[in-house]
Amino acid sequence: MTHALNIAARPRDISTGLCALEEHERVAQQLHALVWIDAKQNNPVTEGLATARSAFHQKAAGMLKALVA
């Protein structure tokens, strides 16, 4: 479980223009893992919170992709 939630797993590289996009995508993927874990453990409150936060990060990544394109 700690591996799925390890937000500091990758070093930050602020020299690339796509850093924020990559961060939003990575956080969204990690939150997807948390949703799966919470569903298995029958924890609907945290599952709902993680789903909402994942949606936020997916939306932000989509907007950044549109700006880059």
PDB file of N, CA and C in Angstrom:
ATOM      1  N   MET A   1       0.824  -1.192   0.000  1.00  0.00           N
ATOM      2  CA  MET A   1       0.000   0.000   0.000  1.00  0.00           C
ATOM      3  C   MET A   1       0.866   1.252   0.000  1.00  0.00           C
ATOM      4  N   THR A   2       1.970   1.223   0.711  1.00  0.00           N
ATOM      5  CA  THR A   2       2.805   2.423   0.749  1.00  0.00           C
ATOM      6  C   THR A   2       3.407   2.725  -0.610  1.00  0.00           C
ATOM      7  N   HIS A   3       3.668   1.678  -1.420  1.00  0.00           N
ATOM      8  CA  HIS A   3       4.233   1.921  -2.754  1.00  0.00           C
ATOM      9  C   HIS A   3       3.235   2.665  -3.640  1.00  0.00           C
ATOM     10  N   ALA A   4       1.973   2.311  -3.550  1.00  0.00           N
ATOM     11  CA  ALA A   4       0.956   2.962  -4.381  1.00  0.00           C
ATOM     12  C   ALA A   4       0.780   4.424  -4.005  1.00  0.00           C
ATOM     13  N   LEU A   5       1.082   4.766  -2.776  1.00  0.00           N
ATOM     14  CA  LEU A   5       0.861   6.126  -2.298  1.00  0.00           C
ATOM     15  C   LEU A   5       2.143   6.937  -2.189  1.00  0.00           C
ATOM     16  N   ASN A   6       3.255   6.400  -2.656  1.00  0.00           N
ATOM     17  CA  ASN A   6       4.535   7.080  -2.520  1.00  0.00           C
ATOM     18  C   ASN A   6       4.640   8.196  -3.550  1.00  0.00           C
ATOM     19  N   ILE A   7       4.202   9.385  -3.159  1.00  0.00           N
ATOM     20  CA  ILE A   7       4.180  10.525  -4.072  1.00  0.00           C
ATOM     21  C   ILE A   7       5.592  10.981  -4.419  1.00  0.00           C
ATOM     22  N   ALA A   8       6.552  10.738  -3.549  1.00  0.00           N
ATOM     23  CA  ALA A   8       7.925  11.171  -3.795  1.00  0.00           C
ATOM     24  C   ALA A   8       8.750  10.079  -4.476  1.00  0.00           C
ATOM     25  N   ALA A   9       8.103   9.137  -5.152  1.00  0.00           N
ATOM     26  CA  ALA A   9       8.815   8.018  -5.763  1.00  0.00           C
ATOM     27  C   ALA A   9       9.751   8.473  -6.878  1.00  0.00           C
ATOM     28  N   ARG A  10       9.373   9.492  -7.623  1.00  0.00           N
ATOM     29  CA  ARG A  10      10.203   9.997  -8.712  1.00  0.00           C
ATOM     30  C   ARG A  10      10.801  11.340  -8.336  1.00  0.00           C
ATOM     31  N   PRO A  11      12.055  11.552  -8.718  1.00  0.00           N
ATOM     32  CA  PRO A  11      12.628  12.877  -8.460  1.00  0.00           C
ATOM     33  C   PRO A  11      11.959  13.931  -9.335  1.00  0.00           C
ATOM     34  N   ARG A  12      11.841  15.111  -8.831  1.00  0.00           N
ATOM     35  CA  ARG A  12      11.233  16.203  -9.591  1.00  0.00           C
ATOM     36  C   ARG A  12      12.244  16.790 -10.563  1.00  0.00           C
ATOM     37  N   ASP A  13      11.796  17.043 -11.767  1.00  0.00           N
ATOM     38  CA  ASP A  13      12.632  17.680 -12.771  1.00  0.00           C
ATOM     39  C   ASP A  13      11.877  18.907 -13.256  1.00  0.00           C
ATOM     40  N   ILE A  14      12.163  20.046 -12.635  1.00  0.00           N
ATOM     41  CA  ILE A  14      11.420  21.256 -12.975  1.00  0.00           C
ATOM     42  C   ILE A  14      11.954  21.925 -14.234  1.00  0.00           C
ATOM     43  N   SER A  15      12.979  21.332 -14.850  1.00  0.00           N
ATOM     44  CA  SER A  15      13.522  21.934 -16.066  1.00  0.00           C
ATOM     45  C   SER A  15      12.667  21.617 -17.286  1.00  0.00           C
ATOM     46  N   THR A  16      11.793  20.632 -17.203  1.00  0.00           N
ATOM     47  CA  THR A  16      10.946  20.309 -18.347  1.00  0.00           C
ATOM     48  C   THR A  16       9.620  21.031 -18.238  1.00  0.00           C
ATOM     49  N   GLY A  17       9.090  21.426 -19.372  1.00  0.00           N
ATOM     50  CA  GLY A  17       7.813  22.132 -19.384  1.00  0.00           C
ATOM     51  C   GLY A  17       6.633  21.241 -19.086  1.00  0.00           C
ATOM     52  N   LEU A  18       6.815  19.931 -19.172  1.00  0.00           N
ATOM     53  CA  LEU A  18       5.716  19.000 -18.951  1.00  0.00           C
ATOM     54  C   LEU A  18       5.706  18.432 -17.538  1.00  0.00           C
ATOM     55  N   CYS A  19       6.499  18.998 -16.651  1.00  0.00           N
ATOM     56  CA  CYS A  19       6.592  18.483 -15.288  1.00  0.00           C
ATOM     57  C   CYS A  19       5.231  18.472 -14.598  1.00  0.00           C
ATOM     58  N   ALA A  20       4.492  19.566 -14.683  1.00  0.00           N
ATOM     59  CA  ALA A  20       3.191  19.644 -14.014  1.00  0.00           C
ATOM     60  C   ALA A  20       2.227  18.622 -14.595  1.00  0.00           C
ATOM     61  N   LEU A  21       2.247  18.457 -15.900  1.00  0.00           N
ATOM     62  CA  LEU A  21       1.381  17.473 -16.551  1.00  0.00           C
ATOM     63  C   LEU A  21       1.711  16.073 -16.049  1.00  0.00           C
ATOM     64  N   GLU A  22       2.981  15.740 -16.034  1.00  0.00           N
ATOM     65  CA  GLU A  22       3.405  14.420 -15.571  1.00  0.00           C
ATOM     66  C   GLU A  22       3.040  14.206 -14.109  1.00  0.00           C
ATOM     67  N   GLU A  23       3.184  15.238 -13.302  1.00  0.00           N
ATOM     68  CA  GLU A  23       2.835  15.128 -11.883  1.00  0.00           C
ATOM     69  C   GLU A  23       1.340  14.874 -11.703  1.00  0.00           C
ATOM     70  N   HIS A  24       0.507  15.607 -12.426  1.00  0.00           N
ATOM     71  CA  HIS A  24      -0.942  15.406 -12.318  1.00  0.00           C
ATOM     72  C   HIS A  24      -1.321  13.991 -12.759  1.00  0.00           C
ATOM     73  N   GLU A  25      -0.725  13.523 -13.842  1.00  0.00           N
ATOM     74  CA  GLU A  25      -1.026  12.174 -14.319  1.00  0.00           C
ATOM     75  C   GLU A  25      -0.576  11.125 -13.312  1.00  0.00           C
ATOM     76  N   ARG A  26       0.595  11.308 -12.725  1.00  0.00           N
ATOM     77  CA  ARG A  26       1.129  10.348 -11.756  1.00  0.00           C
ATOM     78  C   ARG A  26       0.277  10.307 -10.499  1.00  0.00           C
ATOM     79  N   VAL A  27      -0.109  11.477  -9.997  1.00  0.00           N
ATOM     80  CA  VAL A  27      -0.949  11.529  -8.797  1.00  0.00           C
ATOM     81  C   VAL A  27      -2.301  10.874  -9.076  1.00  0.00           C
ATOM     82  N   ALA A  28      -2.864  11.129 -10.258  1.00  0.00           N
ATOM     83  CA  ALA A  28      -4.147  10.508 -10.617  1.00  0.00           C
ATOM     84  C   ALA A  28      -4.017   8.990 -10.631  1.00  0.00           C
ATOM     85  N   GLN A  29      -2.927   8.469 -11.176  1.00  0.00           N
ATOM     86  CA  GLN A  29      -2.719   7.020 -11.203  1.00  0.00           C
ATOM     87  C   GLN A  29      -2.573   6.457  -9.797  1.00  0.00           C
ATOM     88  N   GLN A  30      -1.862   7.160  -8.937  1.00  0.00           N
ATOM     89  CA  GLN A  30      -1.703   6.696  -7.564  1.00  0.00           C
ATOM     90  C   GLN A  30      -3.031   6.717  -6.825  1.00  0.00           C
ATOM     91  N   LEU A  31      -3.847   7.708  -7.107  1.00  0.00           N
ATOM     92  CA  LEU A  31      -5.161   7.761  -6.478  1.00  0.00           C
ATOM     93  C   LEU A  31      -6.062   6.645  -6.994  1.00  0.00           C
ATOM     94  N   HIS A  32      -5.891   6.249  -8.256  1.00  0.00           N
ATOM     95  CA  HIS A  32      -6.637   5.099  -8.776  1.00  0.00           C
ATOM     96  C   HIS A  32      -6.286   3.851  -7.967  1.00  0.00           C
ATOM     97  N   ALA A  33      -5.009   3.688  -7.640  1.00  0.00           N
ATOM     98  CA  ALA A  33      -4.589   2.549  -6.826  1.00  0.00           C
ATOM     99  C   ALA A  33      -5.227   2.615  -5.441  1.00  0.00           C
ATOM    100  N   LEU A  34      -5.301   3.811  -4.879  1.00  0.00           N
ATOM    101  CA  LEU A  34      -5.927   3.979  -3.568  1.00  0.00           C
ATOM    102  C   LEU A  34      -7.412   3.638  -3.630  1.00  0.00           C
ATOM    103  N   VAL A  35      -8.089   4.032  -4.697  1.00  0.00           N
ATOM    104  CA  VAL A  35      -9.510   3.704  -4.867  1.00  0.00           C
ATOM    105  C   VAL A  35      -9.685   2.193  -4.873  1.00  0.00           C
ATOM    106  N   TRP A  36      -8.823   1.505  -5.593  1.00  0.00           N
ATOM    107  CA  TRP A  36      -8.907   0.046  -5.673  1.00  0.00           C
ATOM    108  C   TRP A  36      -8.696  -0.585  -4.296  1.00  0.00           C
ATOM    109  N   ILE A  37      -7.698  -0.098  -3.567  1.00  0.00           N
ATOM    110  CA  ILE A  37      -7.420  -0.620  -2.224  1.00  0.00           C
ATOM    111  C   ILE A  37      -8.607  -0.369  -1.303  1.00  0.00           C
ATOM    112  N   ASP A  38      -9.160   0.824  -1.348  1.00  0.00           N
ATOM    113  CA  ASP A  38     -10.300   1.155  -0.487  1.00  0.00           C
ATOM    114  C   ASP A  38     -11.530   0.332  -0.839  1.00  0.00           C
ATOM    115  N   ALA A  39     -11.731   0.056  -2.110  1.00  0.00           N
ATOM    116  CA  ALA A  39     -12.863  -0.782  -2.514  1.00  0.00           C
ATOM    117  C   ALA A  39     -12.702  -2.191  -1.957  1.00  0.00           C
ATOM    118  N   LYS A  40     -11.476  -2.714  -2.001  1.00  0.00           N
ATOM    119  CA  LYS A  40     -11.204  -4.051  -1.462  1.00  0.00           C
ATOM    120  C   LYS A  40     -11.419  -4.099   0.050  1.00  0.00           C
ATOM    121  N   GLN A  41     -11.123  -2.995   0.738  1.00  0.00           N
ATOM    122  CA  GLN A  41     -11.245  -2.946   2.193  1.00  0.00           C
ATOM    123  C   GLN A  41     -12.588  -2.396   2.643  1.00  0.00           C
ATOM    124  N   ASN A  42     -13.505  -2.203   1.701  1.00  0.00           N
ATOM    125  CA  ASN A  42     -14.853  -1.702   1.998  1.00  0.00           C
ATOM    126  C   ASN A  42     -14.795  -0.390   2.781  1.00  0.00           C
ATOM    127  N   ASN A  43     -14.087   0.581   2.224  1.00  0.00           N
ATOM    128  CA  ASN A  43     -13.935   1.896   2.843  1.00  0.00           C
ATOM    129  C   ASN A  43     -14.498   2.945   1.875  1.00  0.00           C
ATOM    130  N   PRO A  44     -15.827   3.107   1.851  1.00  0.00           N
ATOM    131  CA  PRO A  44     -16.442   3.976   0.841  1.00  0.00           C
ATOM    132  C   PRO A  44     -16.122   5.458   0.998  1.00  0.00           C
ATOM    133  N   VAL A  45     -15.860   5.914   2.204  1.00  0.00           N
ATOM    134  CA  VAL A  45     -15.588   7.341   2.407  1.00  0.00           C
ATOM    135  C   VAL A  45     -14.257   7.723   1.762  1.00  0.00           C
ATOM    136  N   THR A  46     -13.216   6.989   2.079  1.00  0.00           N
ATOM    137  CA  THR A  46     -11.910   7.279   1.491  1.00  0.00           C
ATOM    138  C   THR A  46     -11.914   6.992  -0.003  1.00  0.00           C
ATOM    139  N   GLU A  47     -12.647   5.970  -0.412  1.00  0.00           N
ATOM    140  CA  GLU A  47     -12.769   5.659  -1.839  1.00  0.00           C
ATOM    141  C   GLU A  47     -13.392   6.831  -2.599  1.00  0.00           C
ATOM    142  N   GLY A  48     -14.429   7.420  -2.034  1.00  0.00           N
ATOM    143  CA  GLY A  48     -15.073   8.568  -2.669  1.00  0.00           C
ATOM    144  C   GLY A  48     -14.168   9.786  -2.715  1.00  0.00           C
ATOM    145  N   LEU A  49     -13.446  10.021  -1.630  1.00  0.00           N
ATOM    146  CA  LEU A  49     -12.514  11.149  -1.589  1.00  0.00           C
ATOM    147  C   LEU A  49     -11.403  10.970  -2.623  1.00  0.00           C
ATOM    148  N   ALA A  50     -10.840   9.770  -2.682  1.00  0.00           N
ATOM    149  CA  ALA A  50      -9.771   9.508  -3.643  1.00  0.00           C
ATOM    150  C   ALA A  50     -10.284   9.620  -5.078  1.00  0.00           C
ATOM    151  N   THR A  51     -11.516   9.197  -5.314  1.00  0.00           N
ATOM    152  CA  THR A  51     -12.109   9.312  -6.649  1.00  0.00           C
ATOM    153  C   THR A  51     -12.250  10.778  -7.046  1.00  0.00           C
ATOM    154  N   ALA A  52     -12.718  11.599  -6.119  1.00  0.00           N
ATOM    155  CA  ALA A  52     -12.886  13.032  -6.404  1.00  0.00           C
ATOM    156  C   ALA A  52     -11.541  13.702  -6.679  1.00  0.00           C
ATOM    157  N   ARG A  53     -10.529  13.383  -5.881  1.00  0.00           N
ATOM    158  CA  ARG A  53      -9.208  13.987  -6.090  1.00  0.00           C
ATOM    159  C   ARG A  53      -8.588  13.509  -7.394  1.00  0.00           C
ATOM    160  N   SER A  54      -8.800  12.240  -7.720  1.00  0.00           N
ATOM    161  CA  SER A  54      -8.294  11.715  -8.979  1.00  0.00           C
ATOM    162  C   SER A  54      -8.940  12.432 -10.158  1.00  0.00           C
ATOM    163  N   ALA A  55     -10.233  12.683 -10.065  1.00  0.00           N
ATOM    164  CA  ALA A  55     -10.935  13.407 -11.132  1.00  0.00           C
ATOM    165  C   ALA A  55     -10.356  14.805 -11.307  1.00  0.00           C
ATOM    166  N   PHE A  56     -10.040  15.466 -10.193  1.00  0.00           N
ATOM    167  CA  PHE A  56      -9.434  16.799 -10.266  1.00  0.00           C
ATOM    168  C   PHE A  56      -8.109  16.747 -11.024  1.00  0.00           C
ATOM    169  N   HIS A  57      -7.256  15.783 -10.658  1.00  0.00           N
ATOM    170  CA  HIS A  57      -5.937  15.697 -11.287  1.00  0.00           C
ATOM    171  C   HIS A  57      -6.036  15.269 -12.748  1.00  0.00           C
ATOM    172  N   GLN A  58      -6.991  14.407 -13.076  1.00  0.00           N
ATOM    173  CA  GLN A  58      -7.190  14.034 -14.476  1.00  0.00           C
ATOM    174  C   GLN A  58      -7.658  15.235 -15.293  1.00  0.00           C
ATOM    175  N   LYS A  59      -8.539  16.028 -14.727  1.00  0.00           N
ATOM    176  CA  LYS A  59      -9.028  17.224 -15.421  1.00  0.00           C
ATOM    177  C   LYS A  59      -7.885  18.222 -15.632  1.00  0.00           C
ATOM    178  N   ALA A  60      -7.068  18.423 -14.600  1.00  0.00           N
ATOM    179  CA  ALA A  60      -5.935  19.342 -14.716  1.00  0.00           C
ATOM    180  C   ALA A  60      -4.957  18.858 -15.780  1.00  0.00           C
ATOM    181  N   ALA A  61      -4.692  17.562 -15.816  1.00  0.00           N
ATOM    182  CA  ALA A  61      -3.794  17.009 -16.831  1.00  0.00           C
ATOM    183  C   ALA A  61      -4.378  17.206 -18.226  1.00  0.00           C
ATOM    184  N   GLY A  62      -5.666  17.013 -18.364  1.00  0.00           N
ATOM    185  CA  GLY A  62      -6.315  17.219 -19.660  1.00  0.00           C
ATOM    186  C   GLY A  62      -6.207  18.656 -20.128  1.00  0.00           C
ATOM    187  N   MET A  63      -6.374  19.590 -19.209  1.00  0.00           N
ATOM    188  CA  MET A  63      -6.256  21.005 -19.571  1.00  0.00           C
ATOM    189  C   MET A  63      -4.825  21.352 -19.966  1.00  0.00           C
ATOM    190  N   LEU A  64      -3.857  20.812 -19.236  1.00  0.00           N
ATOM    191  CA  LEU A  64      -2.458  21.070 -19.579  1.00  0.00           C
ATOM    192  C   LEU A  64      -2.099  20.458 -20.932  1.00  0.00           C
ATOM    193  N   LYS A  65      -2.640  19.274 -21.231  1.00  0.00           N
ATOM    194  CA  LYS A  65      -2.401  18.667 -22.546  1.00  0.00           C
ATOM    195  C   LYS A  65      -2.953  19.549 -23.656  1.00  0.00           C
ATOM    196  N   ALA A  66      -4.126  20.128 -23.411  1.00  0.00           N
ATOM    197  CA  ALA A  66      -4.730  21.007 -24.416  1.00  0.00           C
ATOM    198  C   ALA A  66      -3.879  22.255 -24.638  1.00  0.00           C
ATOM    199  N   LEU A  67      -3.269  22.762 -23.587  1.00  0.00           N
ATOM    200  CA  LEU A  67      -2.414  23.943 -23.722  1.00  0.00           C
ATOM    201  C   LEU A  67      -1.127  23.626 -24.481  1.00  0.00           C
ATOM    202  N   VAL A  68      -0.603  22.432 -24.269  1.00  0.00           N
ATOM    203  CA  VAL A  68       0.647  22.036 -24.912  1.00  0.00           C
ATOM    204  C   VAL A  68       0.425  21.739 -26.390  1.00  0.00           C
ATOM    205  N   ALA A  69      -0.737  21.208 -26.723  1.00  0.00           N
ATOM    206  CA  ALA A  69      -1.018  20.790 -28.114  1.00  0.00           C
ATOM    207  C   ALA A  69      -1.090  21.946 -29.071  1.00  0.00           C
TER     208      ALA A  69
END
